[in-house]
Amino acid sequence: VAYCGPARAPRIWFNEKITAMLGRDLATTGSIPDESSKLALSALGRFAAIVADLGLTDVQVVATAAAREAKNGAEFLDKVRELGLDVRLLSGEEEAQAAAKGVIGAFPGAHGVVADLGGGSLELVSIEGGHCHHGTSLPLGTLRLPKLRQKGTASFSRAVEKALTKAGWATEHPGPLYLVGGTWRAFGAYVMARQKHPLSDPHSLSLELPVADKFAKRLARSSTDELIAKGIPELRAASLPDAAAMLRIMLADLKPSHLIVSSWGLREGLLFEELSGAARDQDPLLAGIAHFAVPRGASITRAATIAGWTVEAANGNGNGSERLRLAATVLALAASQLEPNMRLRHATDWALHKRWVGLDMPGRAQIAAALCGSFGKTDLPAGLEVLASKEQLREAVAWGLAARLCRRLGAGSQASLLASRMERQKKRLLLTVDESRASLATQRVVDELAMLAGWLGLTYEMRIAPVPAIR
């Protein structure tokens, strides 16, 4: 993967994958198969050429469970180095912690247990307060599970449970289980498809245990052909039944509060490790949205000023919605640069379907609802009510209507904002416009004020009077 964009919210610029299955025979011969080695080295040779041609200077090459445990792992790594790639062999703990830091980067404030499932191993590590500890690597990768499961359900359960005893600390760690890895993402996508979910990207999908166990039970009984027929890629279809069977045991043993699917894992964790403390503390959602929206005509300073002017449209209960309101305002400014017939469609697509980090699915729905309001639409797209509560959506529409009023008053200019003020006074919404800008206070502004006040269940008044300077 080649990344670009802001360091705190890197964007994938180029991505290519080769499934070499280096760990396919670890449970039998204990070696990397020759054909897998040849395939991997061929791909790595190609990747090395691309890295050189693109002039990439910050390059990380890491090897995990297969090279770590195979009898011929060191020999394989020597061949990788002959390609000019400075490969680093991660220990099981380093692999677990890198995946955990990817989750920490994607979900600021995350706490719980990370379960990173790869071909050769399952890494478990606890996260809390921006740090990770208790990293454990277990021989339960997707390439090893089939042989364990061939011995029967009871034997499989005993083998998984025995391995999990090495991570006994996880049962005492409260919070969700964060699922990292392509097989877990396929599990999330499978659940979303069966539920007719309005989104398709499983990143940040949250599942309660009964729901997760129900679908894991169904998957564990499915065949590869059945899953391929349902649209699951062949590679994931082959590994999902065994992984689902293991997940049921993990849920019973680890007893997490719920599950969260993360598309950020080891690679993003390696990037996160390189950031300074100040960079790590940045909000990844706002960093990503700023990088996306500014080239499209948005101004972060202007958005922050508008968000401050419209604060009376928010409920003000300190529930963390201010960052969502600011994000929606930035995207609204970017969308307003588009042709009018394209604005709403593109803006809601940005909110719902672009992969933002630091944003859960209810937050996506609220930003989409706010964008609808900012373009004068209170009838929301189908599916938003599945993602967020009616109360959350209704408040978000008010954010958008307030931003629309702000733009209607004086195009959101600094002068118009400094010369006006919106206040919520008990059951009345009061808009005061300074005498110096009285010409802005037209009927169109009154109409927008009335629409916002009505949405908030308030009466309204527009007054021409001196507006004290903000100090």
Protein backbone atom coordinates (compact mmCIF):
# COMPACT_ATOMS: atom_id res chain seq x y z
CA VAL A 1 0.00 0.00 0.00
CA ALA A 2 1.20 3.51 -0.84
CA TYR A 3 -0.32 6.20 1.36
CA CYS A 4 -0.68 9.93 0.86
CA GLY A 5 -2.57 12.76 2.53
CA PRO A 6 -2.44 13.90 6.15
CA ALA A 7 -0.27 11.81 8.45
CA ARG A 8 -3.04 11.47 11.04
CA ALA A 9 -5.58 10.25 8.48
CA PRO A 10 -3.54 8.75 5.63
CA ARG A 11 -5.34 8.02 2.40
CA ILE A 12 -4.65 4.95 0.28
CA TRP A 13 -3.18 6.08 -3.02
CA PHE A 14 -2.14 2.71 -4.46
CA ASN A 15 -3.07 -0.75 -3.18
CA GLU A 16 -2.22 -4.18 -4.52
CA LYS A 17 -2.40 -7.56 -2.86
CA ILE A 18 -0.99 -11.01 -3.61
CA THR A 19 -2.26 -13.94 -1.57
CA ALA A 20 0.80 -16.14 -1.33
CA MET A 21 -0.38 -18.28 1.63
CA LEU A 22 3.11 -18.51 3.13
CA GLY A 23 1.74 -20.14 6.27
CA ARG A 24 -0.37 -22.75 4.51
CA ASP A 25 1.73 -25.73 5.65
CA LEU A 26 2.83 -24.55 9.08
CA ALA A 27 0.57 -27.09 10.76
CA THR A 28 1.89 -29.96 8.61
CA THR A 29 5.43 -29.55 7.25
CA GLY A 30 6.32 -26.49 9.31
CA SER A 31 7.82 -24.83 6.24
CA ILE A 32 6.91 -22.18 3.70
CA PRO A 33 5.95 -24.04 0.48
CA ASP A 34 8.22 -23.47 -2.52
CA GLU A 35 5.38 -22.30 -4.74
CA SER A 36 4.21 -19.83 -2.09
CA SER A 37 7.75 -18.52 -1.66
CA LYS A 38 8.15 -18.03 -5.41
CA LEU A 39 4.81 -16.24 -5.68
CA ALA A 40 5.61 -13.95 -2.77
CA LEU A 41 9.10 -13.11 -4.01
CA SER A 42 7.77 -12.37 -7.48
CA ALA A 43 5.22 -9.97 -6.02
CA LEU A 44 7.78 -8.37 -3.72
CA GLY A 45 10.10 -7.85 -6.67
CA ARG A 46 7.29 -6.02 -8.45
CA PHE A 47 6.52 -3.97 -5.34
CA ALA A 48 10.21 -3.03 -4.97
CA ALA A 49 10.25 -1.76 -8.56
CA ILE A 50 7.08 0.30 -7.98
CA VAL A 51 8.51 1.78 -4.80
CA ALA A 52 11.65 2.82 -6.69
CA ASP A 53 9.73 4.19 -9.68
CA LEU A 54 7.44 6.27 -7.48
CA GLY A 55 10.36 7.63 -5.47
CA LEU A 56 8.87 6.59 -2.14
CA THR A 57 11.33 7.21 0.69
CA ASP A 58 9.46 6.07 3.82
CA VAL A 59 9.20 2.34 3.14
CA GLN A 60 8.35 -0.34 5.69
CA VAL A 61 8.48 -4.05 4.91
CA VAL A 62 7.49 -6.44 7.69
CA ALA A 63 7.12 -10.19 8.00
CA THR A 64 4.78 -11.88 10.47
CA ALA A 65 3.81 -15.36 11.67
CA ALA A 66 4.74 -17.47 8.64
CA ALA A 67 8.31 -16.20 8.39
CA ARG A 68 8.58 -16.14 12.16
CA GLU A 69 7.61 -19.78 12.70
CA ALA A 70 8.58 -21.61 9.50
CA LYS A 71 11.73 -23.73 9.51
CA ASN A 72 12.84 -22.01 6.32
CA GLY A 73 11.64 -18.56 7.38
CA ALA A 74 15.13 -17.08 7.73
CA GLU A 75 16.05 -18.37 4.28
CA PHE A 76 12.96 -16.75 2.81
CA LEU A 77 13.76 -13.40 4.46
CA ASP A 78 17.29 -13.49 3.04
CA LYS A 79 15.78 -13.77 -0.44
CA VAL A 80 13.52 -10.80 0.31
CA ARG A 81 16.57 -8.73 1.28
CA GLU A 82 18.25 -9.68 -1.99
CA LEU A 83 15.44 -7.74 -3.70
CA GLY A 84 16.67 -4.59 -1.97
CA LEU A 85 13.90 -4.57 0.63
CA ASP A 86 14.88 -4.00 4.24
CA VAL A 87 12.43 -6.48 5.76
CA ARG A 88 11.79 -6.50 9.50
CA LEU A 89 10.62 -9.67 11.24
CA LEU A 90 8.02 -8.81 13.86
CA SER A 91 7.74 -10.80 17.04
CA GLY A 92 4.29 -11.99 18.01
CA GLU A 93 4.02 -9.21 20.56
CA GLU A 94 5.18 -6.56 18.07
CA GLU A 95 2.67 -7.80 15.53
CA ALA A 96 -0.13 -7.64 18.09
CA GLN A 97 0.85 -4.16 19.23
CA ALA A 98 1.12 -2.81 15.68
CA ALA A 99 -2.42 -3.99 14.93
CA ALA A 100 -3.60 -2.50 18.22
CA LYS A 101 -2.08 0.86 17.37
CA GLY A 102 -3.96 0.79 14.10
CA VAL A 103 -7.18 0.45 16.08
CA ILE A 104 -6.10 3.21 18.48
CA GLY A 105 -5.47 5.44 15.47
CA ALA A 106 -8.85 4.70 13.92
CA PHE A 107 -10.88 4.89 17.13
CA PRO A 108 -9.54 7.61 19.45
CA GLY A 109 -10.28 6.69 23.05
CA ALA A 110 -10.74 3.01 22.18
CA HIS A 111 -10.62 0.53 25.03
CA GLY A 112 -11.06 -3.22 24.91
CA VAL A 113 -9.30 -6.10 23.20
CA VAL A 114 -8.00 -6.19 19.62
CA ALA A 115 -8.24 -9.51 17.75
CA ASP A 116 -6.10 -9.43 14.59
CA LEU A 117 -6.70 -12.55 12.51
CA GLY A 118 -4.15 -13.41 9.82
CA GLY A 119 -3.24 -16.52 7.93
CA GLY A 120 -0.70 -17.81 10.41
CA SER A 121 -1.86 -16.46 13.75
CA LEU A 122 -4.43 -14.67 15.86
CA GLU A 123 -3.05 -11.72 17.82
CA LEU A 124 -4.82 -10.51 20.94
CA VAL A 125 -3.83 -7.31 22.72
CA SER A 126 -5.58 -4.99 25.15
CA ILE A 127 -5.89 -1.25 24.52
CA GLU A 128 -6.77 1.56 26.90
CA GLY A 129 -5.92 5.24 27.19
CA GLY A 130 -4.06 5.30 23.89
CA HIS A 131 -1.73 2.49 24.94
CA CYS A 132 -1.60 -1.26 24.37
CA HIS A 133 -0.33 -4.09 26.54
CA HIS A 134 -0.54 -7.86 27.03
CA GLY A 135 0.15 -8.63 23.37
CA THR A 136 -0.23 -12.37 22.68
CA SER A 137 0.16 -14.31 19.43
CA LEU A 138 -1.80 -17.57 19.14
CA PRO A 139 -1.43 -20.31 16.47
CA LEU A 140 -5.01 -19.83 15.30
CA GLY A 141 -4.59 -18.25 11.87
CA THR A 142 -7.05 -18.95 9.08
CA LEU A 143 -4.60 -21.33 7.38
CA ARG A 144 -4.32 -23.43 10.53
CA LEU A 145 -7.98 -23.61 11.51
CA PRO A 146 -9.10 -26.14 8.84
CA LYS A 147 -6.85 -28.88 10.18
CA LEU A 148 -8.01 -28.22 13.74
CA ARG A 149 -11.63 -28.32 12.67
CA GLN A 150 -11.25 -31.55 10.72
CA LYS A 151 -10.88 -33.35 14.04
CA GLY A 152 -14.46 -32.57 15.01
CA THR A 153 -16.35 -29.88 16.86
CA ALA A 154 -15.38 -30.98 20.38
CA SER A 155 -11.69 -31.27 19.52
CA PHE A 156 -11.75 -27.92 17.73
CA SER A 157 -13.33 -26.21 20.73
CA ARG A 158 -10.77 -27.71 23.10
CA ALA A 159 -7.88 -26.61 20.86
CA VAL A 160 -9.16 -23.03 20.59
CA GLU A 161 -9.97 -22.77 24.27
CA LYS A 162 -6.54 -24.14 25.21
CA ALA A 163 -4.86 -21.54 23.03
CA LEU A 164 -7.03 -18.79 24.52
CA THR A 165 -5.81 -19.66 28.03
CA LYS A 166 -2.55 -17.95 27.04
CA ALA A 167 -4.57 -14.76 26.84
CA GLY A 168 -6.45 -15.18 30.11
CA TRP A 169 -6.00 -11.47 30.81
CA ALA A 170 -8.46 -10.73 27.99
CA THR A 171 -11.38 -12.14 29.98
CA GLU A 172 -10.73 -9.53 32.65
CA HIS A 173 -10.49 -6.60 30.24
CA PRO A 174 -13.81 -4.77 29.83
CA GLY A 175 -15.02 -3.27 26.60
CA PRO A 176 -15.55 -4.35 23.00
CA LEU A 177 -13.62 -6.83 20.90
CA TYR A 178 -12.12 -5.00 17.91
CA LEU A 179 -11.93 -7.28 14.87
CA VAL A 180 -8.94 -6.65 12.57
CA GLY A 181 -8.11 -8.50 9.37
CA GLY A 182 -9.64 -9.31 6.00
CA THR A 183 -11.57 -12.34 7.23
CA TRP A 184 -13.23 -10.34 9.99
CA ARG A 185 -14.08 -7.57 7.51
CA ALA A 186 -15.68 -10.22 5.30
CA PHE A 187 -17.68 -11.35 8.34
CA GLY A 188 -18.86 -7.78 8.89
CA ALA A 189 -19.76 -7.36 5.22
CA TYR A 190 -21.68 -10.65 5.31
CA VAL A 191 -23.73 -9.48 8.29
CA MET A 192 -24.44 -6.12 6.69
CA ALA A 193 -25.58 -7.74 3.45
CA ARG A 194 -27.90 -10.14 5.29
CA GLN A 195 -29.34 -7.24 7.31
CA LYS A 196 -29.80 -5.11 4.18
CA HIS A 197 -27.67 -2.48 5.85
CA PRO A 198 -27.74 0.95 4.16
CA LEU A 199 -23.91 1.06 4.05
CA SER A 200 -21.47 -1.38 2.51
CA ASP A 201 -18.16 -0.61 4.24
CA PRO A 202 -17.91 -2.67 7.46
CA HIS A 203 -15.41 -0.29 9.08
CA SER A 204 -16.76 0.78 12.50
CA LEU A 205 -19.65 -1.71 12.29
CA SER A 206 -20.81 -2.42 15.85
CA LEU A 207 -22.51 -5.72 16.64
CA GLU A 208 -24.17 -6.88 19.84
CA LEU A 209 -23.11 -10.37 20.92
CA PRO A 210 -26.41 -12.18 20.21
CA VAL A 211 -26.44 -10.82 16.65
CA ALA A 212 -22.77 -11.66 16.07
CA ASP A 213 -23.22 -15.17 17.46
CA LYS A 214 -26.32 -15.80 15.32
CA PHE A 215 -24.50 -14.97 12.11
CA ALA A 216 -21.31 -16.73 13.19
CA LYS A 217 -23.35 -19.88 13.83
CA ARG A 218 -24.89 -19.63 10.37
CA LEU A 219 -21.50 -19.06 8.73
CA ALA A 220 -19.85 -21.91 10.61
CA ARG A 221 -22.35 -24.30 8.99
CA SER A 222 -21.93 -22.86 5.48
CA SER A 223 -19.80 -24.29 2.70
CA THR A 224 -17.33 -22.35 0.59
CA ASP A 225 -19.51 -22.78 -2.51
CA GLU A 226 -22.58 -21.47 -0.70
CA LEU A 227 -20.72 -18.34 0.37
CA ILE A 228 -19.24 -17.74 -3.08
CA ALA A 229 -22.78 -17.96 -4.48
CA LYS A 230 -23.74 -15.20 -2.05
CA GLY A 231 -21.06 -12.90 -3.45
CA ILE A 232 -18.23 -13.48 -0.98
CA PRO A 233 -14.77 -13.59 -2.63
CA GLU A 234 -13.36 -17.10 -2.88
CA LEU A 235 -10.43 -16.47 -0.54
CA ARG A 236 -12.67 -15.20 2.26
CA ALA A 237 -15.39 -17.75 1.55
CA ALA A 238 -12.85 -20.49 2.22
CA SER A 239 -11.79 -19.09 5.59
CA LEU A 240 -15.04 -17.63 6.94
CA PRO A 241 -16.70 -20.84 8.23
CA ASP A 242 -13.68 -21.82 10.33
CA ALA A 243 -13.14 -18.26 11.56
CA ALA A 244 -16.82 -17.96 12.46
CA ALA A 245 -16.64 -21.20 14.44
CA MET A 246 -13.67 -19.82 16.34
CA LEU A 247 -15.39 -16.48 16.89
CA ARG A 248 -18.26 -18.20 18.71
CA ILE A 249 -15.77 -19.71 21.14
CA MET A 250 -14.02 -16.36 21.56
CA LEU A 251 -17.29 -14.63 22.37
CA ALA A 252 -18.13 -17.23 25.01
CA ASP A 253 -14.67 -17.15 26.59
CA LEU A 254 -13.68 -13.48 26.33
CA LYS A 255 -17.17 -12.07 26.99
CA PRO A 256 -16.68 -8.66 25.32
CA SER A 257 -19.38 -6.00 25.62
CA HIS A 258 -19.84 -6.01 21.81
CA LEU A 259 -17.87 -6.27 18.56
CA ILE A 260 -16.43 -3.49 16.40
CA VAL A 261 -14.94 -4.10 12.94
CA SER A 262 -11.81 -2.10 12.12
CA SER A 263 -10.36 -1.63 8.65
CA TRP A 264 -7.25 -0.16 10.25
CA GLY A 265 -4.77 -2.70 11.51
CA LEU A 266 -1.09 -3.57 11.32
CA ARG A 267 -0.06 -1.35 8.41
CA GLU A 268 -1.84 1.73 9.73
CA GLY A 269 -0.46 0.91 13.17
CA LEU A 270 3.08 1.02 11.79
CA LEU A 271 2.33 4.49 10.41
CA PHE A 272 0.75 5.60 13.68
CA GLU A 273 3.86 4.51 15.61
CA GLU A 274 5.92 7.01 13.59
CA LEU A 275 3.77 10.03 14.46
CA SER A 276 4.80 12.62 17.00
CA GLY A 277 2.72 12.96 20.15
CA ALA A 278 1.12 16.13 18.81
CA ALA A 279 0.17 14.43 15.55
CA ARG A 280 -1.33 11.46 17.38
CA ASP A 281 -3.50 13.83 19.39
CA GLN A 282 -5.09 15.30 16.27
CA ASP A 283 -8.69 14.36 15.53
CA PRO A 284 -8.44 11.97 12.55
CA LEU A 285 -11.94 12.85 11.34
CA LEU A 286 -11.26 16.57 11.17
CA ALA A 287 -7.77 16.02 9.73
CA GLY A 288 -9.20 13.81 7.00
CA ILE A 289 -12.13 16.07 6.20
CA ALA A 290 -9.92 19.17 6.08
CA HIS A 291 -7.53 17.46 3.65
CA PHE A 292 -10.48 16.41 1.48
CA ALA A 293 -12.56 19.58 1.59
CA VAL A 294 -10.08 22.46 1.44
CA PRO A 295 -8.99 21.73 -2.16
CA ARG A 296 -12.71 21.67 -3.00
CA GLY A 297 -13.21 25.26 -1.90
CA ALA A 298 -13.91 24.92 1.82
CA SER A 299 -12.23 27.07 4.45
CA ILE A 300 -11.60 25.57 7.88
CA THR A 301 -11.50 29.02 9.47
CA ARG A 302 -14.78 30.00 7.87
CA ALA A 303 -16.36 26.69 8.86
CA ALA A 304 -15.26 27.14 12.47
CA THR A 305 -16.71 30.67 12.49
CA ILE A 306 -20.03 29.43 11.08
CA ALA A 307 -20.08 26.59 13.61
CA GLY A 308 -19.62 29.15 16.38
CA TRP A 309 -22.39 31.38 15.01
CA THR A 310 -24.83 28.45 14.77
CA VAL A 311 -24.09 26.96 18.19
CA GLU A 312 -27.58 27.88 19.46
CA ALA A 313 -29.02 25.25 17.11
CA ALA A 314 -27.16 22.52 18.98
CA ASN A 315 -28.46 20.93 22.13
CA GLY A 316 -25.31 21.84 24.04
CA ASN A 317 -25.34 18.78 26.29
CA GLY A 318 -21.66 18.04 25.74
CA ASN A 319 -22.23 14.69 24.02
CA GLY A 320 -19.30 15.11 21.66
CA SER A 321 -21.39 16.29 18.75
CA GLU A 322 -19.44 19.53 18.20
CA ARG A 323 -16.78 17.80 16.12
CA LEU A 324 -19.54 16.27 13.96
CA ARG A 325 -21.16 19.67 13.54
CA LEU A 326 -17.86 21.21 12.48
CA ALA A 327 -17.18 18.31 10.09
CA ALA A 328 -20.62 18.74 8.52
CA THR A 329 -20.07 22.48 8.14
CA VAL A 330 -16.76 21.92 6.33
CA LEU A 331 -18.34 19.43 3.94
CA ALA A 332 -21.30 21.74 3.34
CA LEU A 333 -18.94 24.52 2.30
CA ALA A 334 -17.17 22.16 -0.09
CA ALA A 335 -20.45 20.88 -1.54
CA SER A 336 -21.71 24.43 -2.04
CA GLN A 337 -18.98 24.85 -4.66
CA LEU A 338 -20.64 22.20 -6.82
CA GLU A 339 -23.41 22.73 -9.34
CA PRO A 340 -26.74 23.00 -7.47
CA ASN A 341 -28.16 19.77 -8.90
CA MET A 342 -25.11 17.83 -7.67
CA ARG A 343 -24.70 19.21 -4.17
CA LEU A 344 -26.98 17.06 -2.07
CA ARG A 345 -26.15 13.79 -3.80
CA HIS A 346 -22.41 14.28 -3.58
CA ALA A 347 -22.49 15.63 -0.03
CA THR A 348 -24.50 12.72 1.35
CA ASP A 349 -22.26 10.26 -0.52
CA TRP A 350 -19.24 11.90 1.10
CA ALA A 351 -20.79 11.51 4.54
CA LEU A 352 -22.04 7.95 4.17
CA HIS A 353 -19.68 6.17 1.82
CA LYS A 354 -16.24 7.78 2.01
CA ARG A 355 -14.05 5.99 4.53
CA TRP A 356 -13.49 8.43 7.36
CA VAL A 357 -11.64 7.34 10.47
CA GLY A 358 -12.67 8.50 13.90
CA LEU A 359 -16.32 8.33 12.82
CA ASP A 360 -18.91 5.73 13.73
CA MET A 361 -22.04 4.91 11.74
CA PRO A 362 -24.43 7.08 13.81
CA GLY A 363 -21.98 9.94 13.25
CA ARG A 364 -22.07 9.34 9.50
CA ALA A 365 -25.85 9.55 9.58
CA GLN A 366 -25.79 12.77 11.58
CA ILE A 367 -23.36 14.43 9.18
CA ALA A 368 -25.52 13.32 6.24
CA ALA A 369 -28.64 14.70 7.94
CA ALA A 370 -26.87 18.00 8.65
CA LEU A 371 -25.85 18.26 5.01
CA CYS A 372 -29.44 17.69 3.95
CA GLY A 373 -30.53 20.51 6.24
CA SER A 374 -27.81 22.80 4.92
CA PHE A 375 -29.39 22.49 1.46
CA GLY A 376 -32.93 23.02 2.76
CA LYS A 377 -34.00 19.36 2.80
CA THR A 378 -35.68 17.94 5.89
CA ASP A 379 -36.86 14.72 4.22
CA LEU A 380 -33.92 12.45 4.84
CA PRO A 381 -32.63 9.65 2.60
CA ALA A 382 -33.90 6.17 3.38
CA GLY A 383 -31.68 4.21 5.71
CA LEU A 384 -30.43 6.99 7.97
CA GLU A 385 -32.93 5.98 10.66
CA VAL A 386 -31.21 2.58 10.78
CA LEU A 387 -27.90 4.23 11.63
CA ALA A 388 -28.93 6.86 14.17
CA SER A 389 -31.84 7.66 16.45
CA LYS A 390 -34.63 10.03 15.44
CA GLU A 391 -33.44 12.49 18.08
CA GLN A 392 -29.88 12.46 16.73
CA LEU A 393 -31.07 12.97 13.16
CA ARG A 394 -33.47 15.72 14.08
CA GLU A 395 -30.77 17.65 15.90
CA ALA A 396 -28.35 17.19 13.00
CA VAL A 397 -30.91 18.61 10.53
CA ALA A 398 -31.07 21.67 12.78
CA TRP A 399 -27.29 22.11 12.47
CA GLY A 400 -27.70 22.19 8.72
CA LEU A 401 -30.66 24.56 8.74
CA ALA A 402 -28.69 26.93 10.98
CA ALA A 403 -25.71 26.84 8.63
CA ARG A 404 -28.09 27.55 5.75
CA LEU A 405 -29.51 30.56 7.61
CA CYS A 406 -25.96 31.79 8.18
CA ARG A 407 -25.15 31.56 4.48
CA ARG A 408 -28.47 33.14 3.53
CA LEU A 409 -27.85 36.11 5.81
CA GLY A 410 -24.59 37.22 4.25
CA ALA A 411 -23.05 34.32 2.33
CA GLY A 412 -21.34 33.27 5.54
CA SER A 413 -18.96 36.25 5.30
CA GLN A 414 -16.90 37.28 8.29
CA ALA A 415 -18.48 40.74 8.24
CA SER A 416 -22.04 39.41 8.33
CA LEU A 417 -21.25 36.98 11.13
CA LEU A 418 -19.60 39.63 13.30
CA ALA A 419 -22.54 41.96 12.73
CA SER A 420 -25.23 39.47 13.74
CA ARG A 421 -26.07 37.06 16.49
CA MET A 422 -28.47 34.15 16.89
CA GLU A 423 -29.75 33.36 20.37
CA ARG A 424 -32.17 30.84 21.81
CA GLN A 425 -34.26 32.54 24.50
CA LYS A 426 -36.55 30.06 26.24
CA LYS A 427 -39.15 29.37 23.53
CA ARG A 428 -37.95 31.97 21.04
CA LEU A 429 -35.16 32.04 18.48
CA LEU A 430 -33.87 35.60 18.14
CA LEU A 431 -31.73 36.80 15.24
CA THR A 432 -30.22 40.23 15.84
CA VAL A 433 -28.66 42.07 12.91
CA ASP A 434 -26.54 45.15 13.53
CA GLU A 435 -27.76 48.43 12.11
CA SER A 436 -24.66 48.59 9.92
CA ARG A 437 -25.85 45.46 8.09
CA ALA A 438 -29.60 46.11 8.16
CA SER A 439 -29.74 45.74 4.38
CA LEU A 440 -29.02 42.02 4.82
CA ALA A 441 -32.21 41.45 6.83
CA THR A 442 -34.62 40.65 4.01
CA GLN A 443 -37.70 38.44 3.82
CA ARG A 444 -35.60 35.54 2.51
CA VAL A 445 -33.62 35.63 5.74
CA VAL A 446 -36.83 35.74 7.76
CA ASP A 447 -38.09 32.68 5.88
CA GLU A 448 -34.92 30.74 6.73
CA LEU A 449 -35.13 31.83 10.36
CA ALA A 450 -38.76 30.71 10.50
CA MET A 451 -37.85 27.32 9.05
CA LEU A 452 -35.11 26.75 11.63
CA ALA A 453 -37.25 27.96 14.52
CA GLY A 454 -40.13 25.75 13.45
CA TRP A 455 -37.84 22.75 13.28
CA LEU A 456 -36.64 23.51 16.82
CA GLY A 457 -40.21 24.02 18.08
CA LEU A 458 -39.63 27.71 18.78
CA THR A 459 -41.13 31.03 17.79
CA TYR A 460 -38.85 33.49 16.03
CA GLU A 461 -37.97 37.15 15.81
CA MET A 462 -35.52 39.16 13.74
CA ARG A 463 -34.39 42.43 15.28
CA ILE A 464 -32.30 45.31 13.93
CA ALA A 465 -30.21 46.54 16.85
CA PRO A 466 -26.59 47.13 17.83
CA VAL A 467 -24.58 43.92 18.11
CA PRO A 468 -21.72 44.20 20.62
CA ALA A 469 -18.29 43.32 19.30
CA ILE A 470 -17.01 39.89 20.28
CA ARG A 471 -13.96 40.10 22.50
